[in-house]
Protein backbone atom coordinates (compact mmCIF):
# COMPACT_ATOMS: atom_id res chain seq x y z
CA UNK A 1 0.00 0.00 0.00
CA UNK A 2 2.81 2.42 0.90
CA UNK A 3 4.69 1.78 -2.33
CA UNK A 4 1.51 2.47 -4.31
CA UNK A 5 0.93 5.71 -2.40
CA UNK A 6 4.54 6.74 -2.98
CA UNK A 7 4.23 5.99 -6.71
CA UNK A 8 1.03 8.08 -6.97
CA UNK A 9 2.67 10.92 -5.06
CA UNK A 10 5.60 10.95 -7.48
CA UNK A 11 3.25 10.91 -10.46
CA UNK A 12 1.24 13.77 -8.98
CA UNK A 13 4.39 15.83 -8.44
CA UNK A 14 5.50 15.18 -12.03
CA UNK A 15 2.04 16.18 -13.28
CA UNK A 16 2.12 19.44 -11.27
CA UNK A 17 5.61 20.26 -12.57
CA UNK A 18 4.51 19.62 -16.16
CA UNK A 19 1.44 21.83 -15.64
CA UNK A 20 3.51 24.69 -14.19
CA UNK A 21 6.12 24.48 -16.96
CA UNK A 22 3.38 24.38 -19.63
CA UNK A 23 1.65 27.41 -18.06
CA UNK A 24 4.84 29.45 -18.03
CA UNK A 25 5.62 28.37 -21.60
CA UNK A 26 2.17 29.47 -22.80
CA UNK A 27 2.50 32.82 -21.02
CA UNK A 28 5.93 33.35 -22.57
CA UNK A 29 4.64 32.41 -26.03
CA UNK A 30 1.55 34.65 -25.78
CA UNK A 31 3.30 37.55 -24.02
CA UNK A 32 2.49 40.74 -25.87
CA UNK A 33 4.80 43.59 -26.64
CA UNK A 34 3.03 46.47 -24.92
CA UNK A 35 2.72 49.81 -26.64
CA UNK A 36 4.66 52.73 -25.24
CA UNK A 37 2.48 54.14 -22.47
CA UNK A 38 3.55 57.68 -23.32
CA UNK A 39 2.25 57.30 -26.90
CA UNK A 40 -1.12 55.79 -26.04
CA UNK A 41 -4.20 57.83 -26.88
CA UNK A 42 -6.25 58.90 -23.87
CA UNK A 43 -8.31 56.07 -22.48
CA UNK A 44 -11.79 56.60 -21.05
CA UNK A 45 -13.87 54.42 -18.79
CA UNK A 46 -17.49 53.57 -19.55
CA UNK A 47 -18.50 56.41 -17.20
CA UNK A 48 -16.26 58.82 -19.17
CA UNK A 49 -13.35 59.19 -16.73
CA UNK A 50 -9.82 59.58 -18.10
CA UNK A 51 -7.43 56.73 -17.30
CA UNK A 52 -3.66 57.24 -17.19
CA UNK A 53 -1.88 53.89 -16.97
CA UNK A 54 1.42 55.64 -16.25
CA UNK A 55 -0.03 57.53 -13.28
CA UNK A 56 -1.92 54.50 -11.95
CA UNK A 57 1.23 52.35 -12.02
CA UNK A 58 3.60 54.98 -10.59
CA UNK A 59 3.42 53.94 -6.92
CA UNK A 60 2.16 50.37 -6.96
CA UNK A 61 1.63 47.65 -9.57
CA UNK A 62 -1.44 48.02 -11.78
CA UNK A 63 -3.36 44.98 -12.95
CA UNK A 64 -4.95 45.50 -16.36
CA UNK A 65 -7.63 42.87 -16.89
CA UNK A 66 -8.53 42.24 -20.56
CA UNK A 67 -11.89 40.47 -20.68
CA UNK A 68 -15.14 40.21 -22.63
CA UNK A 69 -18.80 39.77 -21.74
CA UNK A 70 -19.01 36.85 -24.18
CA UNK A 71 -15.99 35.03 -22.68
CA UNK A 72 -16.92 31.96 -20.63
CA UNK A 73 -13.68 31.85 -18.62
CA UNK A 74 -14.02 35.58 -17.86
CA UNK A 75 -17.24 34.80 -16.00
CA UNK A 76 -15.11 32.74 -13.61
CA UNK A 77 -12.25 35.25 -13.27
CA UNK A 78 -14.21 38.51 -13.04
CA UNK A 79 -15.38 37.87 -9.43
CA UNK A 80 -11.74 37.29 -8.39
CA UNK A 81 -10.65 40.53 -10.06
CA UNK A 82 -13.57 42.38 -8.47
CA UNK A 83 -12.54 41.01 -5.07
CA UNK A 84 -8.99 42.32 -5.62
CA UNK A 85 -10.36 45.77 -6.44
CA UNK A 86 -12.57 45.69 -3.34
CA UNK A 87 -9.50 44.78 -1.24
CA UNK A 88 -7.69 47.92 -2.44
CA UNK A 89 -5.52 46.47 -5.20
CA UNK A 90 -4.83 48.68 -8.20
CA UNK A 91 -7.07 47.31 -10.99
CA UNK A 92 -8.26 48.65 -14.35
CA UNK A 93 -9.95 46.62 -17.04
CA UNK A 94 -10.53 46.61 -20.77
CA UNK A 95 -13.76 45.02 -22.04
CA UNK A 96 -13.10 43.74 -25.56
CA UNK A 97 -15.89 43.84 -28.16
CA UNK A 98 -18.59 43.75 -25.49
CA UNK A 99 -21.13 46.20 -26.89
CA UNK A 100 -21.69 49.91 -26.50
CA UNK A 101 -21.13 51.90 -23.30
CA UNK A 102 -24.78 51.77 -22.23
CA UNK A 103 -24.98 47.98 -22.55
CA UNK A 104 -21.65 47.53 -20.80
CA UNK A 105 -22.64 49.94 -17.99
CA UNK A 106 -25.81 47.90 -17.33
CA UNK A 107 -23.72 44.73 -17.09
CA UNK A 108 -21.22 46.40 -14.76
CA UNK A 109 -24.02 47.59 -12.51
CA UNK A 110 -25.81 44.22 -12.45
CA UNK A 111 -22.56 42.42 -11.51
CA UNK A 112 -21.64 45.18 -9.02
CA UNK A 113 -18.14 45.56 -10.45
CA UNK A 114 -16.05 48.13 -8.63
CA UNK A 115 -13.04 48.34 -10.94
CA UNK A 116 -12.85 50.86 -13.81
CA UNK A 117 -13.86 49.47 -17.21
CA UNK A 118 -12.55 50.82 -20.50
CA UNK A 119 -14.77 49.84 -23.43
CA UNK A 120 -12.76 48.47 -26.36
CA UNK A 121 -15.82 48.10 -28.58
CA UNK A 122 -13.88 47.60 -31.83
CA UNK A 123 -10.88 45.75 -30.36
CA UNK A 124 -8.40 48.55 -31.12
CA UNK A 125 -6.86 48.65 -27.64
CA UNK A 126 -6.45 44.88 -27.39
CA UNK A 127 -4.88 44.88 -30.84
CA UNK A 128 -2.38 47.59 -29.77
CA UNK A 129 -1.47 45.45 -26.76
CA UNK A 130 -1.29 42.26 -28.90
CA UNK A 131 -3.81 40.51 -26.65
CA UNK A 132 -4.81 37.28 -28.38
CA UNK A 133 -6.79 35.51 -25.65
CA UNK A 134 -9.31 36.39 -22.99
CA UNK A 135 -9.00 36.69 -20.13
CA UNK A 136 -5.52 38.20 -20.11
CA UNK A 137 -3.79 39.96 -17.24
CA UNK A 138 -1.06 42.55 -17.72
CA UNK A 139 0.81 43.97 -14.74
CA UNK A 140 2.44 47.36 -15.12
CA UNK A 141 4.69 48.95 -12.53
CA UNK A 142 6.29 52.36 -12.92
CA UNK A 143 5.13 52.53 -16.53
CA UNK A 144 6.68 49.19 -17.58
CA UNK A 145 5.06 45.82 -18.16
CA UNK A 146 6.43 43.47 -15.51
CA UNK A 147 4.00 40.57 -15.75
CA UNK A 148 1.59 38.82 -18.07
CA UNK A 149 -0.63 35.78 -17.97
CA UNK A 150 -3.70 34.63 -19.83
CA UNK A 151 -6.48 32.20 -19.08
CA UNK A 152 -8.04 31.39 -15.76
CA UNK A 153 -6.31 32.74 -12.68
CA UNK A 154 -7.38 32.67 -9.06
CA UNK A 155 -7.51 35.62 -6.71
CA UNK A 156 -4.50 34.35 -4.74
CA UNK A 157 -2.61 33.76 -8.02
CA UNK A 158 -3.22 37.37 -9.06
CA UNK A 159 -2.26 38.64 -5.60
CA UNK A 160 0.98 36.67 -5.81
CA UNK A 161 1.74 38.14 -9.24
CA UNK A 162 1.05 41.69 -8.00
CA UNK A 163 3.25 41.12 -4.96
CA UNK A 164 6.04 39.69 -7.15
CA UNK A 165 5.81 42.73 -9.46
CA UNK A 166 6.51 45.09 -6.58
CA UNK A 167 9.54 43.17 -5.25
């Protein structure tokens, strides 16, 4: 019985290592080349507030959450991102091809999202950032991209990435 348990433990460890390596490889392969933050056009939230990524990332890491209302995985990650924003983390989001401002504002209100949402109705912003999958998470600190991941991520995983970015 012990030898069987030991064998399963080894196999589980190998499986976890393969998963972690594959995740890092996918993030490296998908990692975008961010545009220069100084050359970006002004960004506006759905409620028409100006967003400066450089200013928001000056003192602590900024998580930029690229998502879409039609994205199934985003429905799982959005509550975790909202929880981060409620806990005081620096979060801004870009909703990709998710309708007009009025439609998006209704969705934001119904889900009680507290983080700012920039509407990328035509996909121009995500194209500038070379975002090819939703959800995607970009971490900027002091005006520079310091982290990127795409796909599902937990709240603690995002917290760990934000902490790592500030170290």
